[in-house]
All heavy atoms as atom14 arrays in JSON, in Angstrom:
{
  "sequence": "VLDEPSAFLDVGARVDLMALLRRIARGRGITVVLSTHEVELALRM",
  "atom14_mask": [
    [1, 1, 1, 1, 1, 1, 1, 0, 0, 0, 0, 0, 0, 0],
    [1, 1, 1, 1, 1, 1, 1, 1, 0, 0, 0, 0, 0, 0],
    [1, 1, 1, 1, 1, 1, 1, 1, 0, 0, 0, 0, 0, 0],
    [1, 1, 1, 1, 1, 1, 1, 1, 1, 0, 0, 0, 0, 0],
    [1, 1, 1, 1, 1, 1, 1, 0, 0, 0, 0, 0, 0, 0],
    [1, 1, 1, 1, 1, 1, 0, 0, 0, 0, 0, 0, 0, 0],
    [1, 1, 1, 1, 1, 0, 0, 0, 0, 0, 0, 0, 0, 0],
    [1, 1, 1, 1, 1, 1, 1, 1, 1, 1, 1, 0, 0, 0],
    [1, 1, 1, 1, 1, 1, 1, 1, 0, 0, 0, 0, 0, 0],
    [1, 1, 1, 1, 1, 1, 1, 1, 0, 0, 0, 0, 0, 0],
    [1, 1, 1, 1, 1, 1, 1, 0, 0, 0, 0, 0, 0, 0],
    [1, 1, 1, 1, 0, 0, 0, 0, 0, 0, 0, 0, 0, 0],
    [1, 1, 1, 1, 1, 0, 0, 0, 0, 0, 0, 0, 0, 0],
    [1, 1, 1, 1, 1, 1, 1, 1, 1, 1, 1, 0, 0, 0],
    [1, 1, 1, 1, 1, 1, 1, 0, 0, 0, 0, 0, 0, 0],
    [1, 1, 1, 1, 1, 1, 1, 1, 0, 0, 0, 0, 0, 0],
    [1, 1, 1, 1, 1, 1, 1, 1, 0, 0, 0, 0, 0, 0],
    [1, 1, 1, 1, 1, 1, 1, 1, 0, 0, 0, 0, 0, 0],
    [1, 1, 1, 1, 1, 0, 0, 0, 0, 0, 0, 0, 0, 0],
    [1, 1, 1, 1, 1, 1, 1, 1, 0, 0, 0, 0, 0, 0],
    [1, 1, 1, 1, 1, 1, 1, 1, 0, 0, 0, 0, 0, 0],
    [1, 1, 1, 1, 1, 1, 1, 1, 1, 1, 1, 0, 0, 0],
    [1, 1, 1, 1, 1, 1, 1, 1, 1, 1, 1, 0, 0, 0],
    [1, 1, 1, 1, 1, 1, 1, 1, 0, 0, 0, 0, 0, 0],
    [1, 1, 1, 1, 1, 0, 0, 0, 0, 0, 0, 0, 0, 0],
    [1, 1, 1, 1, 1, 1, 1, 1, 1, 1, 1, 0, 0, 0],
    [1, 1, 1, 1, 0, 0, 0, 0, 0, 0, 0, 0, 0, 0],
    [1, 1, 1, 1, 1, 1, 1, 1, 1, 1, 1, 0, 0, 0],
    [1, 1, 1, 1, 0, 0, 0, 0, 0, 0, 0, 0, 0, 0],
    [1, 1, 1, 1, 1, 1, 1, 1, 0, 0, 0, 0, 0, 0],
    [1, 1, 1, 1, 1, 1, 1, 0, 0, 0, 0, 0, 0, 0],
    [1, 1, 1, 1, 1, 1, 1, 0, 0, 0, 0, 0, 0, 0],
    [1, 1, 1, 1, 1, 1, 1, 0, 0, 0, 0, 0, 0, 0],
    [1, 1, 1, 1, 1, 1, 1, 1, 0, 0, 0, 0, 0, 0],
    [1, 1, 1, 1, 1, 1, 0, 0, 0, 0, 0, 0, 0, 0],
    [1, 1, 1, 1, 1, 1, 1, 0, 0, 0, 0, 0, 0, 0],
    [1, 1, 1, 1, 1, 1, 1, 1, 1, 1, 0, 0, 0, 0],
    [1, 1, 1, 1, 1, 1, 1, 1, 1, 0, 0, 0, 0, 0],
    [1, 1, 1, 1, 1, 1, 1, 0, 0, 0, 0, 0, 0, 0],
    [1, 1, 1, 1, 1, 1, 1, 1, 1, 0, 0, 0, 0, 0],
    [1, 1, 1, 1, 1, 1, 1, 1, 0, 0, 0, 0, 0, 0],
    [1, 1, 1, 1, 1, 0, 0, 0, 0, 0, 0, 0, 0, 0],
    [1, 1, 1, 1, 1, 1, 1, 1, 0, 0, 0, 0, 0, 0],
    [1, 1, 1, 1, 1, 1, 1, 1, 1, 1, 1, 0, 0, 0],
    [1, 1, 1, 1, 1, 1, 1, 1, 0, 0, 0, 0, 0, 0]
  ],
  "atom14_positions": [
    [[21.88, 1.77, -24.15], [23.29, 1.66, -23.78], [23.43, 1.92, -22.29], [22.93, 2.94, -21.78], [24.16, 2.66, -24.58], [25.6, 2.61, -24.1], [24.09, 2.35, -26.07], [0.0, 0.0, 0.0], [0.0, 0.0, 0.0], [0.0, 0.0, 0.0], [0.0, 0.0, 0.0], [0.0, 0.0, 0.0], [0.0, 0.0, 0.0], [0.0, 0.0, 0.0]],
    [[24.1, 1.0, -21.6], [24.27, 1.13, -20.15], [25.75, 0.96, -19.81], [26.4, -0.01, -20.24], [23.45, 0.08, -19.4], [21.96, 0.0, -19.72], [21.7, -1.18, -20.68], [21.13, -0.16, -18.46], [0.0, 0.0, 0.0], [0.0, 0.0, 0.0], [0.0, 0.0, 0.0], [0.0, 0.0, 0.0], [0.0, 0.0, 0.0], [0.0, 0.0, 0.0]],
    [[26.28, 1.88, -19.03], [27.67, 1.82, -18.6], [27.72, 1.35, -17.15], [27.29, 2.07, -16.24], [28.32, 3.2, -18.75], [29.82, 3.18, -18.48], [30.42, 2.09, -18.52], [30.39, 4.25, -18.22], [0.0, 0.0, 0.0], [0.0, 0.0, 0.0], [0.0, 0.0, 0.0], [0.0, 0.0, 0.0], [0.0, 0.0, 0.0], [0.0, 0.0, 0.0]],
    [[28.22, 0.15, -16.95], [28.33, -0.46, -15.61], [27.02, -0.35, -14.83], [26.97, 0.22, -13.73], [29.45, 0.22, -14.82], [30.83, 0.01, -15.4], [31.36, -1.41, -15.2], [30.73, -2.18, -14.46], [32.39, -1.73, -15.8], [0.0, 0.0, 0.0], [0.0, 0.0, 0.0], [0.0, 0.0, 0.0], [0.0, 0.0, 0.0], [0.0, 0.0, 0.0]],
    [[25.93, -0.86, -15.34], [24.63, -0.69, -14.67], [24.53, -1.37, -13.31], [23.68, -1.0, -12.51], [23.64, -1.32, -15.66], [24.45, -2.32, -16.43], [25.81, -1.68, -16.57], [0.0, 0.0, 0.0], [0.0, 0.0, 0.0], [0.0, 0.0, 0.0], [0.0, 0.0, 0.0], [0.0, 0.0, 0.0], [0.0, 0.0, 0.0], [0.0, 0.0, 0.0]],
    [[25.4, -2.35, -13.04], [25.32, -3.07, -11.76], [26.37, -2.6, -10.75], [26.56, -3.24, -9.73], [25.47, -4.57, -12.0], [26.74, -4.87, -12.58], [0.0, 0.0, 0.0], [0.0, 0.0, 0.0], [0.0, 0.0, 0.0], [0.0, 0.0, 0.0], [0.0, 0.0, 0.0], [0.0, 0.0, 0.0], [0.0, 0.0, 0.0], [0.0, 0.0, 0.0]],
    [[27.01, -1.45, -11.03], [28.15, -1.02, -10.23], [27.84, -0.87, -8.75], [28.67, -1.19, -7.9], [28.7, 0.3, -10.78], [0.0, 0.0, 0.0], [0.0, 0.0, 0.0], [0.0, 0.0, 0.0], [0.0, 0.0, 0.0], [0.0, 0.0, 0.0], [0.0, 0.0, 0.0], [0.0, 0.0, 0.0], [0.0, 0.0, 0.0], [0.0, 0.0, 0.0]],
    [[26.65, -0.41, -8.4], [26.34, -0.14, -7.0], [25.34, -1.15, -6.41], [24.77, -0.89, -5.34], [25.77, 1.28, -6.85], [26.68, 2.35, -7.37], [26.35, 3.09, -8.5], [27.9, 2.61, -6.75], [27.19, 4.07, -9.0], [28.74, 3.6, -7.24], [28.39, 4.33, -8.36], [0.0, 0.0, 0.0], [0.0, 0.0, 0.0], [0.0, 0.0, 0.0]],
    [[25.16, -2.28, -7.1], [24.15, -3.23, -6.68], [24.77, -4.44, -5.99], [25.91, -4.81, -6.25], [23.34, -3.71, -7.9], [22.72, -2.63, -8.78], [21.91, -3.26, -9.89], [21.85, -1.69, -7.95], [0.0, 0.0, 0.0], [0.0, 0.0, 0.0], [0.0, 0.0, 0.0], [0.0, 0.0, 0.0], [0.0, 0.0, 0.0], [0.0, 0.0, 0.0]],
    [[23.97, -5.07, -5.11], [24.45, -6.29, -4.48], [24.29, -7.46, -5.47], [23.75, -7.31, -6.56], [23.72, -6.57, -3.17], [22.21, -6.7, -3.33], [21.76, -7.17, -4.39], [21.48, -6.34, -2.39], [0.0, 0.0, 0.0], [0.0, 0.0, 0.0], [0.0, 0.0, 0.0], [0.0, 0.0, 0.0], [0.0, 0.0, 0.0], [0.0, 0.0, 0.0]],
    [[24.76, -8.64, -5.06], [24.82, -9.78, -5.98], [23.45, -10.14, -6.54], [23.27, -10.32, -7.75], [25.45, -11.0, -5.29], [25.39, -12.21, -6.21], [26.9, -10.69, -4.9], [0.0, 0.0, 0.0], [0.0, 0.0, 0.0], [0.0, 0.0, 0.0], [0.0, 0.0, 0.0], [0.0, 0.0, 0.0], [0.0, 0.0, 0.0], [0.0, 0.0, 0.0]],
    [[22.46, -10.25, -5.67], [21.13, -10.62, -6.13], [20.54, -9.61, -7.1], [19.93, -9.98, -8.11], [0.0, 0.0, 0.0], [0.0, 0.0, 0.0], [0.0, 0.0, 0.0], [0.0, 0.0, 0.0], [0.0, 0.0, 0.0], [0.0, 0.0, 0.0], [0.0, 0.0, 0.0], [0.0, 0.0, 0.0], [0.0, 0.0, 0.0], [0.0, 0.0, 0.0]],
    [[20.74, -8.33, -6.8], [20.21, -7.28, -7.65], [20.89, -7.26, -9.02], [20.28, -6.94, -10.03], [20.36, -5.92, -6.98], [0.0, 0.0, 0.0], [0.0, 0.0, 0.0], [0.0, 0.0, 0.0], [0.0, 0.0, 0.0], [0.0, 0.0, 0.0], [0.0, 0.0, 0.0], [0.0, 0.0, 0.0], [0.0, 0.0, 0.0], [0.0, 0.0, 0.0]],
    [[22.17, -7.64, -9.06], [22.89, -7.71, -10.33], [22.29, -8.77, -11.23], [22.09, -8.56, -12.43], [24.37, -8.0, -10.09], [25.12, -6.88, -9.4], [26.52, -7.31, -9.01], [27.16, -6.3, -8.19], [28.33, -6.46, -7.6], [28.99, -7.59, -7.75], [28.84, -5.49, -6.88], [0.0, 0.0, 0.0], [0.0, 0.0, 0.0], [0.0, 0.0, 0.0]],
    [[22.01, -9.92, -10.67], [21.41, -10.99, -11.44], [20.02, -10.59, -11.92], [19.65, -10.8, -13.09], [21.34, -12.29, -10.62], [20.58, -13.38, -11.38], [22.74, -12.77, -10.25], [0.0, 0.0, 0.0], [0.0, 0.0, 0.0], [0.0, 0.0, 0.0], [0.0, 0.0, 0.0], [0.0, 0.0, 0.0], [0.0, 0.0, 0.0], [0.0, 0.0, 0.0]],
    [[19.24, -9.98, -11.03], [17.89, -9.53, -11.4], [17.95, -8.53, -12.55], [17.13, -8.57, -13.47], [17.2, -8.9, -10.19], [16.72, -9.93, -9.18], [16.7, -11.12, -9.52], [16.39, -9.52, -8.05], [0.0, 0.0, 0.0], [0.0, 0.0, 0.0], [0.0, 0.0, 0.0], [0.0, 0.0, 0.0], [0.0, 0.0, 0.0], [0.0, 0.0, 0.0]],
    [[18.91, -7.61, -12.48], [19.02, -6.59, -13.52], [19.35, -7.22, -14.87], [18.76, -6.87, -15.9], [20.09, -5.57, -13.14], [20.36, -4.47, -14.17], [19.11, -3.63, -14.41], [21.53, -3.59, -13.75], [0.0, 0.0, 0.0], [0.0, 0.0, 0.0], [0.0, 0.0, 0.0], [0.0, 0.0, 0.0], [0.0, 0.0, 0.0], [0.0, 0.0, 0.0]],
    [[20.3, -8.14, -14.89], [20.67, -8.79, -16.15], [19.5, -9.57, -16.73], [19.26, -9.56, -17.95], [21.88, -9.68, -15.95], [23.19, -8.93, -15.83], [23.66, -8.06, -17.35], [24.03, -9.42, -18.44], [0.0, 0.0, 0.0], [0.0, 0.0, 0.0], [0.0, 0.0, 0.0], [0.0, 0.0, 0.0], [0.0, 0.0, 0.0], [0.0, 0.0, 0.0]],
    [[18.77, -10.25, -15.86], [17.6, -11.0, -16.33], [16.55, -10.05, -16.89], [15.91, -10.34, -17.92], [17.02, -11.83, -15.19], [0.0, 0.0, 0.0], [0.0, 0.0, 0.0], [0.0, 0.0, 0.0], [0.0, 0.0, 0.0], [0.0, 0.0, 0.0], [0.0, 0.0, 0.0], [0.0, 0.0, 0.0], [0.0, 0.0, 0.0], [0.0, 0.0, 0.0]],
    [[16.37, -8.91, -16.24], [15.41, -7.92, -16.71], [15.82, -7.36, -18.07], [14.99, -7.2, -18.97], [15.31, -6.79, -15.68], [14.39, -5.61, -16.03], [12.96, -6.08, -16.22], [14.46, -4.55, -14.91], [0.0, 0.0, 0.0], [0.0, 0.0, 0.0], [0.0, 0.0, 0.0], [0.0, 0.0, 0.0], [0.0, 0.0, 0.0], [0.0, 0.0, 0.0]],
    [[17.11, -7.08, -18.24], [17.58, -6.54, -19.51], [17.4, -7.55, -20.65], [17.05, -7.17, -21.77], [19.06, -6.13, -19.39], [19.32, -4.9, -18.51], [20.81, -4.7, -18.33], [18.68, -3.65, -19.11], [0.0, 0.0, 0.0], [0.0, 0.0, 0.0], [0.0, 0.0, 0.0], [0.0, 0.0, 0.0], [0.0, 0.0, 0.0], [0.0, 0.0, 0.0]],
    [[17.62, -8.82, -20.38], [17.38, -9.85, -21.39], [15.91, -9.89, -21.79], [15.57, -9.97, -22.98], [17.81, -11.22, -20.86], [19.29, -11.45, -20.8], [19.62, -12.87, -20.41], [19.23, -13.82, -21.44], [19.45, -15.13, -21.35], [20.03, -15.64, -20.28], [19.09, -15.93, -22.33], [0.0, 0.0, 0.0], [0.0, 0.0, 0.0], [0.0, 0.0, 0.0]],
    [[15.04, -9.81, -20.79], [13.61, -9.84, -21.07], [13.19, -8.62, -21.88], [12.38, -8.71, -22.82], [12.84, -9.92, -19.75], [11.32, -9.93, -19.92], [10.63, -10.41, -18.66], [10.94, -9.61, -17.5], [10.33, -8.46, -17.2], [9.38, -7.99, -17.99], [10.65, -7.81, -16.1], [0.0, 0.0, 0.0], [0.0, 0.0, 0.0], [0.0, 0.0, 0.0]],
    [[13.74, -7.46, -21.54], [13.41, -6.24, -22.26], [13.9, -6.31, -23.71], [13.18, -5.96, -24.65], [14.02, -5.02, -21.55], [13.27, -4.75, -20.24], [14.01, -3.79, -22.44], [13.96, -3.77, -19.34], [0.0, 0.0, 0.0], [0.0, 0.0, 0.0], [0.0, 0.0, 0.0], [0.0, 0.0, 0.0], [0.0, 0.0, 0.0], [0.0, 0.0, 0.0]],
    [[15.13, -6.77, -23.9], [15.68, -6.86, -25.25], [14.83, -7.76, -26.12], [14.49, -7.41, -27.27], [17.13, -7.38, -25.19], [0.0, 0.0, 0.0], [0.0, 0.0, 0.0], [0.0, 0.0, 0.0], [0.0, 0.0, 0.0], [0.0, 0.0, 0.0], [0.0, 0.0, 0.0], [0.0, 0.0, 0.0], [0.0, 0.0, 0.0], [0.0, 0.0, 0.0]],
    [[14.45, -8.92, -25.6], [13.66, -9.86, -26.37], [12.22, -9.36, -26.56], [11.68, -9.43, -27.66], [13.65, -11.23, -25.68], [14.97, -11.98, -25.83], [15.13, -13.05, -24.74], [16.27, -13.9, -24.96], [17.53, -13.55, -24.8], [17.82, -12.3, -24.46], [18.52, -14.41, -25.0], [0.0, 0.0, 0.0], [0.0, 0.0, 0.0], [0.0, 0.0, 0.0]],
    [[11.62, -8.88, -25.49], [10.23, -8.46, -25.56], [10.0, -7.26, -26.44], [9.01, -7.18, -27.17], [0.0, 0.0, 0.0], [0.0, 0.0, 0.0], [0.0, 0.0, 0.0], [0.0, 0.0, 0.0], [0.0, 0.0, 0.0], [0.0, 0.0, 0.0], [0.0, 0.0, 0.0], [0.0, 0.0, 0.0], [0.0, 0.0, 0.0], [0.0, 0.0, 0.0]],
    [[10.93, -6.3, -26.4], [10.78, -5.07, -27.18], [11.52, -5.11, -28.51], [11.36, -4.22, -29.34], [11.26, -3.87, -26.36], [10.43, -3.6, -25.1], [10.82, -2.3, -24.46], [9.97, -1.96, -23.33], [9.62, -0.73, -23.02], [10.02, 0.28, -23.76], [8.86, -0.49, -21.97], [0.0, 0.0, 0.0], [0.0, 0.0, 0.0], [0.0, 0.0, 0.0]],
    [[12.37, -6.13, -28.69], [13.13, -6.23, -29.92], [14.18, -5.16, -30.1], [14.54, -4.79, -31.21], [0.0, 0.0, 0.0], [0.0, 0.0, 0.0], [0.0, 0.0, 0.0], [0.0, 0.0, 0.0], [0.0, 0.0, 0.0], [0.0, 0.0, 0.0], [0.0, 0.0, 0.0], [0.0, 0.0, 0.0], [0.0, 0.0, 0.0], [0.0, 0.0, 0.0]],
    [[14.7, -4.62, -28.98], [15.68, -3.53, -29.06], [17.09, -4.08, -28.88], [17.3, -5.2, -28.43], [15.39, -2.42, -28.04], [15.59, -2.93, -26.61], [13.99, -1.87, -28.21], [15.43, -1.84, -25.56], [0.0, 0.0, 0.0], [0.0, 0.0, 0.0], [0.0, 0.0, 0.0], [0.0, 0.0, 0.0], [0.0, 0.0, 0.0], [0.0, 0.0, 0.0]],
    [[18.05, -3.26, -29.23], [19.46, -3.59, -29.05], [19.92, -3.07, -27.69], [19.78, -1.88, -27.4], [20.31, -2.95, -30.17], [19.86, -3.44, -31.43], [21.78, -3.27, -29.98], [0.0, 0.0, 0.0], [0.0, 0.0, 0.0], [0.0, 0.0, 0.0], [0.0, 0.0, 0.0], [0.0, 0.0, 0.0], [0.0, 0.0, 0.0], [0.0, 0.0, 0.0]],
    [[20.46, -3.95, -26.87], [20.98, -3.56, -25.56], [22.48, -3.8, -25.53], [22.95, -4.91, -25.81], [20.31, -4.36, -24.42], [20.94, -4.01, -23.07], [18.8, -4.09, -24.4], [0.0, 0.0, 0.0], [0.0, 0.0, 0.0], [0.0, 0.0, 0.0], [0.0, 0.0, 0.0], [0.0, 0.0, 0.0], [0.0, 0.0, 0.0], [0.0, 0.0, 0.0]],
    [[23.24, -2.76, -25.24], [24.7, -2.86, -25.11], [25.08, -2.33, -23.74], [24.69, -1.21, -23.37], [25.42, -2.04, -26.2], [26.93, -2.15, -26.03], [25.01, -2.51, -27.59], [0.0, 0.0, 0.0], [0.0, 0.0, 0.0], [0.0, 0.0, 0.0], [0.0, 0.0, 0.0], [0.0, 0.0, 0.0], [0.0, 0.0, 0.0], [0.0, 0.0, 0.0]],
    [[25.82, -3.12, -22.99], [26.23, -2.69, -21.65], [27.68, -3.05, -21.4], [28.19, -4.04, -21.9], [25.33, -3.32, -20.59], [25.32, -4.84, -20.46], [26.36, -5.31, -19.43], [23.95, -5.34, -20.05], [0.0, 0.0, 0.0], [0.0, 0.0, 0.0], [0.0, 0.0, 0.0], [0.0, 0.0, 0.0], [0.0, 0.0, 0.0], [0.0, 0.0, 0.0]],
    [[28.35, -2.23, -20.62], [29.69, -2.55, -20.14], [29.58, -3.1, -18.72], [28.67, -2.72, -17.97], [30.59, -1.31, -20.15], [30.12, -0.35, -19.2], [0.0, 0.0, 0.0], [0.0, 0.0, 0.0], [0.0, 0.0, 0.0], [0.0, 0.0, 0.0], [0.0, 0.0, 0.0], [0.0, 0.0, 0.0], [0.0, 0.0, 0.0], [0.0, 0.0, 0.0]],
    [[30.48, -3.98, -18.38], [30.43, -4.57, -17.04], [31.77, -5.15, -16.65], [32.56, -5.57, -17.51], [29.34, -5.67, -16.97], [29.29, -6.2, -15.64], [29.62, -6.79, -17.95], [0.0, 0.0, 0.0], [0.0, 0.0, 0.0], [0.0, 0.0, 0.0], [0.0, 0.0, 0.0], [0.0, 0.0, 0.0], [0.0, 0.0, 0.0], [0.0, 0.0, 0.0]],
    [[32.02, -5.17, -15.35], [33.16, -5.9, -14.79], [32.75, -7.3, -14.33], [33.59, -8.09, -13.91], [33.75, -5.14, -13.59], [34.55, -3.94, -13.98], [34.05, -2.66, -13.97], [35.84, -3.83, -14.41], [34.98, -1.81, -14.36], [36.08, -2.5, -14.63], [0.0, 0.0, 0.0], [0.0, 0.0, 0.0], [0.0, 0.0, 0.0], [0.0, 0.0, 0.0]],
    [[31.46, -7.59, -14.41], [30.95, -8.87, -13.94], [31.12, -9.92, -15.05], [30.18, -10.29, -15.74], [29.47, -8.74, -13.57], [29.19, -7.71, -12.49], [29.7, -8.15, -11.13], [29.77, -9.37, -10.89], [30.04, -7.27, -10.32], [0.0, 0.0, 0.0], [0.0, 0.0, 0.0], [0.0, 0.0, 0.0], [0.0, 0.0, 0.0], [0.0, 0.0, 0.0]],
    [[32.34, -10.43, -15.18], [32.65, -11.34, -16.28], [31.83, -12.61, -16.21], [31.21, -13.04, -17.2], [34.16, -11.67, -16.3], [34.46, -12.68, -17.41], [34.98, -10.4, -16.48], [0.0, 0.0, 0.0], [0.0, 0.0, 0.0], [0.0, 0.0, 0.0], [0.0, 0.0, 0.0], [0.0, 0.0, 0.0], [0.0, 0.0, 0.0], [0.0, 0.0, 0.0]],
    [[31.78, -13.23, -15.04], [31.05, -14.5, -14.92], [29.56, -14.32, -15.2], [28.93, -15.16, -15.86], [31.26, -15.08, -13.52], [32.71, -15.48, -13.25], [32.9, -16.0, -11.83], [31.89, -16.25, -11.14], [34.06, -16.16, -11.41], [0.0, 0.0, 0.0], [0.0, 0.0, 0.0], [0.0, 0.0, 0.0], [0.0, 0.0, 0.0], [0.0, 0.0, 0.0]],
    [[29.0, -13.23, -14.73], [27.58, -12.97, -14.97], [27.32, -12.71, -16.46], [26.34, -13.21, -17.01], [27.12, -11.76, -14.14], [25.63, -11.42, -14.17], [24.79, -12.59, -13.7], [25.36, -10.19, -13.31], [0.0, 0.0, 0.0], [0.0, 0.0, 0.0], [0.0, 0.0, 0.0], [0.0, 0.0, 0.0], [0.0, 0.0, 0.0], [0.0, 0.0, 0.0]],
    [[28.2, -11.96, -17.1], [28.05, -11.69, -18.53], [28.13, -12.98, -19.34], [27.39, -13.17, -20.31], [29.12, -10.71, -19.0], [0.0, 0.0, 0.0], [0.0, 0.0, 0.0], [0.0, 0.0, 0.0], [0.0, 0.0, 0.0], [0.0, 0.0, 0.0], [0.0, 0.0, 0.0], [0.0, 0.0, 0.0], [0.0, 0.0, 0.0], [0.0, 0.0, 0.0]],
    [[29.02, -13.89, -18.95], [29.16, -15.16, -19.67], [27.88, -15.98, -19.59], [27.54, -16.71, -20.53], [30.33, -15.96, -19.11], [31.72, -15.38, -19.37], [32.78, -16.2, -18.65], [32.01, -15.33, -20.86], [0.0, 0.0, 0.0], [0.0, 0.0, 0.0], [0.0, 0.0, 0.0], [0.0, 0.0, 0.0], [0.0, 0.0, 0.0], [0.0, 0.0, 0.0]],
    [[27.19, -15.87, -18.48], [25.97, -16.66, -18.29], [24.74, -16.03, -18.93], [23.84, -16.73, -19.39], [25.7, -16.86, -16.8], [26.62, -17.88, -16.14], [26.31, -17.99, -14.64], [27.0, -19.11, -14.04], [28.27, -19.13, -13.69], [29.01, -18.06, -13.89], [28.82, -20.2, -13.15], [0.0, 0.0, 0.0], [0.0, 0.0, 0.0], [0.0, 0.0, 0.0]],
    [[24.69, -14.69, -18.97], [23.43, -14.05, -19.3], [23.44, -13.17, -20.54], [22.38, -12.79, -21.05], [22.94, -13.24, -18.09], [22.83, -14.07, -16.83], [21.9, -13.29, -15.5], [20.23, -13.48, -16.11], [0.0, 0.0, 0.0], [0.0, 0.0, 0.0], [0.0, 0.0, 0.0], [0.0, 0.0, 0.0], [0.0, 0.0, 0.0], [0.0, 0.0, 0.0]]
  ]
}
């Protein structure tokens, strides 16, 4: 569970983090739940 994990990151780092979380969720088979204000990024990833 992550609360606003990209809050202090720049644009590139936000995308990298979301991509990393997707890879972790799939690779480890775990449940990932995060809150975010990045609506457009959440819709894509």
